Amino acid sequence: MPNPANDNIRLLTPEQAASRLNITEDHLRDLVSEGVLGYINVGLGKKRPRRRFTETDLNEFIEGRRRREVPCPSTVTSVRRITNSTSSTKVIGFMAARNARLDEMQKSSRLQS
C-alpha cells in the first residue's frame, strides 16, 4: 500500500546535496562516514552504496549544527569587580628569606657557644 506522505519526497544526489549545503562532495562523504548526515541507499551493492539525500536529512543536519557563540562568563570584562584585600602578607625574595634563616642559625650557634 503506497504511503501518501512519501509521494512528495525528492531524493537529491550527492552533488545536489553538497551544493545545497555549500560544501564539497568530499566533505559530504566525510559527514556521512562520521554518521552526522543521514542518507538513503538506493543501490543494491554494499561496497559502493548509491547514496541519496532528502531535504529532511539536510534540514536535520543544519539544525543539529546550528550554534550561537556565547562568551565565557569568566572572560567578560563589562563589569569590573572591586574587592578590598584583607591580606597582610609581605613579599620577600627567595634569597632574602634564605639569608634571614642563615643569620638566625648563626646567631643561635653563637649564643650556644
N, C-alpha and C. Protein backbone atom coordinates (compact mmCIF):
# COMPACT_ATOMS: atom_id res chain seq x y z
N MET A 1 0.85 -1.18 0.00
CA MET A 1 0.00 0.00 0.00
C MET A 1 0.89 1.24 0.00
N PRO A 2 0.78 2.11 -0.98
CA PRO A 2 1.62 3.31 -1.05
C PRO A 2 1.31 4.28 0.09
N ASN A 3 2.36 4.90 0.57
CA ASN A 3 2.26 5.87 1.65
C ASN A 3 2.17 7.27 1.03
N PRO A 4 1.05 8.00 1.21
CA PRO A 4 0.91 9.32 0.59
C PRO A 4 1.93 10.32 1.12
N ALA A 5 2.45 10.10 2.33
CA ALA A 5 3.44 11.03 2.87
C ALA A 5 4.75 10.95 2.10
N ASN A 6 5.05 9.78 1.50
CA ASN A 6 6.30 9.60 0.76
C ASN A 6 6.19 10.04 -0.70
N ASP A 7 5.01 10.39 -1.17
CA ASP A 7 4.83 10.76 -2.58
C ASP A 7 5.58 12.03 -2.95
N ASN A 8 5.81 12.92 -2.01
CA ASN A 8 6.44 14.21 -2.31
C ASN A 8 7.92 14.25 -1.95
N ILE A 9 8.51 13.12 -1.56
CA ILE A 9 9.92 13.11 -1.20
C ILE A 9 10.76 13.15 -2.46
N ARG A 10 11.66 14.11 -2.48
CA ARG A 10 12.58 14.25 -3.60
C ARG A 10 13.96 13.82 -3.12
N LEU A 11 14.57 12.87 -3.81
CA LEU A 11 15.89 12.40 -3.44
C LEU A 11 16.95 13.19 -4.19
N LEU A 12 17.92 13.69 -3.44
CA LEU A 12 18.98 14.51 -4.04
C LEU A 12 20.25 13.67 -4.19
N THR A 13 20.96 13.87 -5.27
CA THR A 13 22.24 13.20 -5.48
C THR A 13 23.27 13.83 -4.55
N PRO A 14 24.40 13.15 -4.35
CA PRO A 14 25.45 13.75 -3.52
C PRO A 14 25.89 15.13 -4.03
N GLU A 15 25.95 15.28 -5.33
CA GLU A 15 26.33 16.57 -5.91
C GLU A 15 25.30 17.65 -5.54
N GLN A 16 24.02 17.32 -5.65
CA GLN A 16 22.96 18.28 -5.30
C GLN A 16 22.96 18.59 -3.81
N ALA A 17 23.16 17.54 -2.99
CA ALA A 17 23.16 17.75 -1.53
C ALA A 17 24.34 18.62 -1.12
N ALA A 18 25.52 18.35 -1.70
CA ALA A 18 26.70 19.17 -1.38
C ALA A 18 26.47 20.61 -1.80
N SER A 19 25.87 20.79 -2.96
CA SER A 19 25.58 22.14 -3.43
C SER A 19 24.60 22.84 -2.49
N ARG A 20 23.60 22.10 -2.03
CA ARG A 20 22.60 22.67 -1.11
C ARG A 20 23.24 23.10 0.21
N LEU A 21 24.24 22.32 0.69
CA LEU A 21 24.92 22.65 1.94
C LEU A 21 26.11 23.60 1.71
N ASN A 22 26.41 23.86 0.45
CA ASN A 22 27.52 24.74 0.10
C ASN A 22 28.86 24.17 0.56
N ILE A 23 29.04 22.86 0.36
CA ILE A 23 30.28 22.17 0.71
C ILE A 23 30.70 21.30 -0.47
N THR A 24 31.88 20.70 -0.38
CA THR A 24 32.34 19.81 -1.44
C THR A 24 31.75 18.41 -1.25
N GLU A 25 31.82 17.62 -2.30
CA GLU A 25 31.33 16.24 -2.19
C GLU A 25 32.22 15.41 -1.25
N ASP A 26 33.51 15.71 -1.21
CA ASP A 26 34.41 15.03 -0.26
C ASP A 26 33.97 15.30 1.17
N HIS A 27 33.65 16.55 1.45
CA HIS A 27 33.19 16.92 2.79
C HIS A 27 31.87 16.21 3.10
N LEU A 28 30.99 16.12 2.13
CA LEU A 28 29.72 15.43 2.30
C LEU A 28 29.96 13.96 2.65
N ARG A 29 30.88 13.30 1.91
CA ARG A 29 31.21 11.89 2.20
C ARG A 29 31.77 11.75 3.62
N ASP A 30 32.60 12.69 4.05
CA ASP A 30 33.15 12.64 5.42
C ASP A 30 32.04 12.76 6.45
N LEU A 31 31.07 13.64 6.22
CA LEU A 31 29.96 13.80 7.15
C LEU A 31 29.13 12.52 7.24
N VAL A 32 28.94 11.86 6.10
CA VAL A 32 28.19 10.61 6.07
C VAL A 32 28.96 9.52 6.81
N SER A 33 30.27 9.41 6.55
CA SER A 33 31.06 8.36 7.20
C SER A 33 31.16 8.57 8.71
N GLU A 34 31.08 9.82 9.17
CA GLU A 34 31.08 10.10 10.61
C GLU A 34 29.72 9.85 11.24
N GLY A 35 28.69 9.65 10.42
CA GLY A 35 27.36 9.39 10.94
C GLY A 35 26.59 10.64 11.31
N VAL A 36 27.07 11.78 10.86
CA VAL A 36 26.43 13.05 11.19
C VAL A 36 25.29 13.37 10.24
N LEU A 37 25.38 12.85 9.03
CA LEU A 37 24.40 13.15 8.00
C LEU A 37 23.76 11.85 7.53
N GLY A 38 22.44 11.79 7.60
CA GLY A 38 21.71 10.60 7.16
C GLY A 38 21.55 10.56 5.66
N TYR A 39 21.32 9.36 5.13
CA TYR A 39 21.13 9.19 3.69
C TYR A 39 20.29 7.95 3.44
N ILE A 40 19.92 7.77 2.18
CA ILE A 40 19.17 6.60 1.75
C ILE A 40 20.02 5.90 0.69
N ASN A 41 20.23 4.58 0.86
CA ASN A 41 20.97 3.82 -0.13
C ASN A 41 19.98 3.26 -1.14
N VAL A 42 20.02 3.76 -2.37
CA VAL A 42 19.09 3.29 -3.40
C VAL A 42 19.70 2.19 -4.26
N GLY A 43 20.96 1.83 -3.98
CA GLY A 43 21.62 0.77 -4.74
C GLY A 43 21.43 -0.58 -4.08
N LEU A 44 21.91 -1.61 -4.77
CA LEU A 44 21.82 -2.97 -4.27
C LEU A 44 23.12 -3.42 -3.62
N GLY A 45 24.23 -2.85 -4.03
CA GLY A 45 25.53 -3.27 -3.52
C GLY A 45 25.86 -2.65 -2.17
N LYS A 46 26.81 -3.30 -1.48
CA LYS A 46 27.24 -2.79 -0.18
C LYS A 46 28.61 -2.12 -0.26
N LYS A 47 29.39 -2.47 -1.28
CA LYS A 47 30.72 -1.89 -1.40
C LYS A 47 30.66 -0.43 -1.84
N ARG A 48 29.79 -0.14 -2.77
CA ARG A 48 29.65 1.22 -3.28
C ARG A 48 28.18 1.63 -3.22
N PRO A 49 27.74 2.10 -2.06
CA PRO A 49 26.32 2.47 -1.95
C PRO A 49 26.00 3.67 -2.83
N ARG A 50 24.80 3.67 -3.35
CA ARG A 50 24.31 4.82 -4.12
C ARG A 50 23.48 5.66 -3.17
N ARG A 51 24.13 6.67 -2.63
CA ARG A 51 23.51 7.49 -1.59
C ARG A 51 22.65 8.58 -2.21
N ARG A 52 21.50 8.77 -1.58
CA ARG A 52 20.62 9.88 -1.93
C ARG A 52 20.19 10.54 -0.64
N PHE A 53 19.92 11.80 -0.71
CA PHE A 53 19.63 12.60 0.48
C PHE A 53 18.28 13.26 0.33
N THR A 54 17.55 13.34 1.44
CA THR A 54 16.26 14.03 1.43
C THR A 54 16.45 15.43 2.01
N GLU A 55 15.51 16.30 1.72
CA GLU A 55 15.55 17.65 2.32
C GLU A 55 15.49 17.54 3.84
N THR A 56 14.75 16.55 4.34
CA THR A 56 14.65 16.35 5.79
C THR A 56 16.02 16.02 6.37
N ASP A 57 16.78 15.13 5.70
CA ASP A 57 18.14 14.80 6.16
C ASP A 57 19.00 16.06 6.24
N LEU A 58 18.93 16.87 5.21
CA LEU A 58 19.76 18.08 5.16
C LEU A 58 19.31 19.10 6.20
N ASN A 59 18.00 19.25 6.37
CA ASN A 59 17.50 20.21 7.37
C ASN A 59 17.85 19.78 8.79
N GLU A 60 17.78 18.46 9.06
CA GLU A 60 18.15 17.97 10.39
C GLU A 60 19.63 18.21 10.65
N PHE A 61 20.46 18.01 9.63
CA PHE A 61 21.88 18.28 9.76
C PHE A 61 22.13 19.75 10.07
N ILE A 62 21.46 20.62 9.33
CA ILE A 62 21.64 22.07 9.53
C ILE A 62 21.21 22.47 10.93
N GLU A 63 20.07 21.98 11.39
CA GLU A 63 19.60 22.33 12.74
C GLU A 63 20.52 21.76 13.82
N GLY A 64 21.04 20.57 13.57
CA GLY A 64 21.96 19.95 14.54
C GLY A 64 23.28 20.69 14.65
N ARG A 65 23.67 21.37 13.59
CA ARG A 65 24.92 22.11 13.58
C ARG A 65 24.77 23.58 13.94
N ARG A 66 23.55 24.02 14.15
CA ARG A 66 23.31 25.44 14.48
C ARG A 66 23.98 25.76 15.80
N ARG A 67 24.77 26.81 15.83
CA ARG A 67 25.49 27.23 17.03
C ARG A 67 25.31 28.71 17.25
N ARG A 68 25.47 29.09 18.48
CA ARG A 68 25.44 30.51 18.84
C ARG A 68 26.64 30.74 19.75
N GLU A 69 27.46 31.69 19.39
CA GLU A 69 28.64 31.99 20.19
C GLU A 69 28.23 32.68 21.48
N VAL A 70 28.61 32.08 22.59
CA VAL A 70 28.33 32.65 23.90
C VAL A 70 29.67 32.89 24.58
N PRO A 71 29.96 34.13 24.95
CA PRO A 71 31.25 34.38 25.58
C PRO A 71 31.34 33.71 26.94
N CYS A 72 32.53 33.32 27.28
CA CYS A 72 32.78 32.69 28.58
C CYS A 72 32.54 33.73 29.67
N PRO A 73 31.73 33.40 30.69
CA PRO A 73 31.43 34.40 31.73
C PRO A 73 32.66 34.88 32.48
N SER A 74 33.69 34.05 32.57
CA SER A 74 34.87 34.46 33.33
C SER A 74 35.73 35.44 32.57
N THR A 75 35.53 35.57 31.25
CA THR A 75 36.35 36.50 30.48
C THR A 75 35.62 37.77 30.10
N VAL A 76 34.36 37.86 30.44
CA VAL A 76 33.60 39.07 30.13
C VAL A 76 34.08 40.18 31.06
N THR A 77 34.49 41.30 30.49
CA THR A 77 35.05 42.38 31.29
C THR A 77 34.13 43.60 31.33
N SER A 78 32.85 43.39 31.11
CA SER A 78 31.95 44.53 31.09
C SER A 78 31.77 45.12 32.49
N VAL A 79 31.88 44.30 33.51
CA VAL A 79 31.74 44.77 34.89
C VAL A 79 33.04 44.48 35.62
N ARG A 80 33.65 45.52 36.14
CA ARG A 80 34.90 45.35 36.84
C ARG A 80 34.62 45.08 38.31
N ARG A 81 35.19 44.04 38.82
CA ARG A 81 34.99 43.70 40.23
C ARG A 81 36.03 44.41 41.08
N ILE A 82 35.56 45.02 42.15
CA ILE A 82 36.46 45.72 43.06
C ILE A 82 36.30 45.06 44.42
N THR A 83 37.42 44.61 44.96
CA THR A 83 37.38 43.99 46.30
C THR A 83 38.46 44.62 47.15
N ASN A 84 38.23 44.62 48.42
CA ASN A 84 39.23 45.09 49.37
C ASN A 84 40.04 43.90 49.83
N SER A 85 41.33 44.06 49.83
CA SER A 85 42.20 42.98 50.26
C SER A 85 42.38 43.05 51.76
N THR A 86 42.24 41.94 52.43
CA THR A 86 42.45 41.89 53.87
C THR A 86 43.72 41.14 54.20
N SER A 87 44.50 40.85 53.20
CA SER A 87 45.73 40.10 53.40
C SER A 87 46.80 41.02 53.97
N SER A 88 47.60 40.50 54.89
CA SER A 88 48.68 41.30 55.47
C SER A 88 50.02 40.64 55.20
N THR A 89 50.14 39.98 54.07
CA THR A 89 51.39 39.29 53.77
C THR A 89 52.39 40.24 53.16
N LYS A 90 53.66 39.89 53.30
CA LYS A 90 54.74 40.65 52.71
C LYS A 90 55.38 39.78 51.65
N VAL A 91 55.87 40.41 50.63
CA VAL A 91 56.58 39.68 49.60
C VAL A 91 58.06 39.77 49.92
N ILE A 92 58.67 38.61 50.06
CA ILE A 92 60.10 38.55 50.35
C ILE A 92 60.74 37.67 49.29
N GLY A 93 61.83 38.12 48.76
CA GLY A 93 62.54 37.34 47.75
C GLY A 93 63.08 36.04 48.34
N PHE A 94 63.29 35.05 47.51
CA PHE A 94 63.78 33.75 47.96
C PHE A 94 65.12 33.87 48.66
N MET A 95 66.03 34.61 48.09
CA MET A 95 67.37 34.74 48.67
C MET A 95 67.32 35.52 49.99
N ALA A 96 66.42 36.49 50.08
CA ALA A 96 66.30 37.25 51.33
C ALA A 96 65.82 36.34 52.45
N ALA A 97 64.86 35.47 52.17
CA ALA A 97 64.36 34.54 53.18
C ALA A 97 65.46 33.56 53.57
N ARG A 98 66.24 33.09 52.61
CA ARG A 98 67.33 32.15 52.89
C ARG A 98 68.40 32.82 53.77
N ASN A 99 68.75 34.04 53.40
CA ASN A 99 69.76 34.77 54.18
C ASN A 99 69.28 35.03 55.60
N ALA A 100 67.98 35.32 55.76
CA ALA A 100 67.44 35.55 57.10
C ALA A 100 67.53 34.28 57.94
N ARG A 101 67.24 33.12 57.35
CA ARG A 101 67.35 31.84 58.08
C ARG A 101 68.80 31.55 58.46
N LEU A 102 69.72 31.82 57.53
CA LEU A 102 71.14 31.58 57.83
C LEU A 102 71.60 32.49 58.96
N ASP A 103 71.18 33.77 58.95
CA ASP A 103 71.54 34.70 60.02
C ASP A 103 71.03 34.19 61.37
N GLU A 104 69.78 33.69 61.38
CA GLU A 104 69.20 33.17 62.62
C GLU A 104 69.99 31.97 63.12
N MET A 105 70.39 31.09 62.20
CA MET A 105 71.16 29.91 62.59
C MET A 105 72.52 30.31 63.16
N GLN A 106 73.14 31.31 62.55
CA GLN A 106 74.45 31.77 63.01
C GLN A 106 74.31 32.42 64.39
N LYS A 107 73.26 33.20 64.60
CA LYS A 107 73.05 33.85 65.90
C LYS A 107 72.83 32.81 66.99
N SER A 108 72.01 31.79 66.68
CA SER A 108 71.73 30.78 67.71
C SER A 108 72.96 29.94 67.99
N SER A 109 73.82 29.69 66.99
CA SER A 109 75.03 28.91 67.24
C SER A 109 76.03 29.72 68.04
N ARG A 110 76.06 31.05 67.88
CA ARG A 110 76.94 31.91 68.67
C ARG A 110 76.50 31.95 70.12
N LEU A 111 75.18 31.96 70.34
CA LEU A 111 74.66 32.00 71.69
C LEU A 111 74.93 30.70 72.44
N GLN A 112 74.95 29.59 71.73
CA GLN A 112 75.18 28.29 72.40
C GLN A 112 76.66 28.09 72.68
N SER A 113 77.56 28.77 71.99
CA SER A 113 78.97 28.56 72.25
C SER A 113 79.49 29.36 73.38
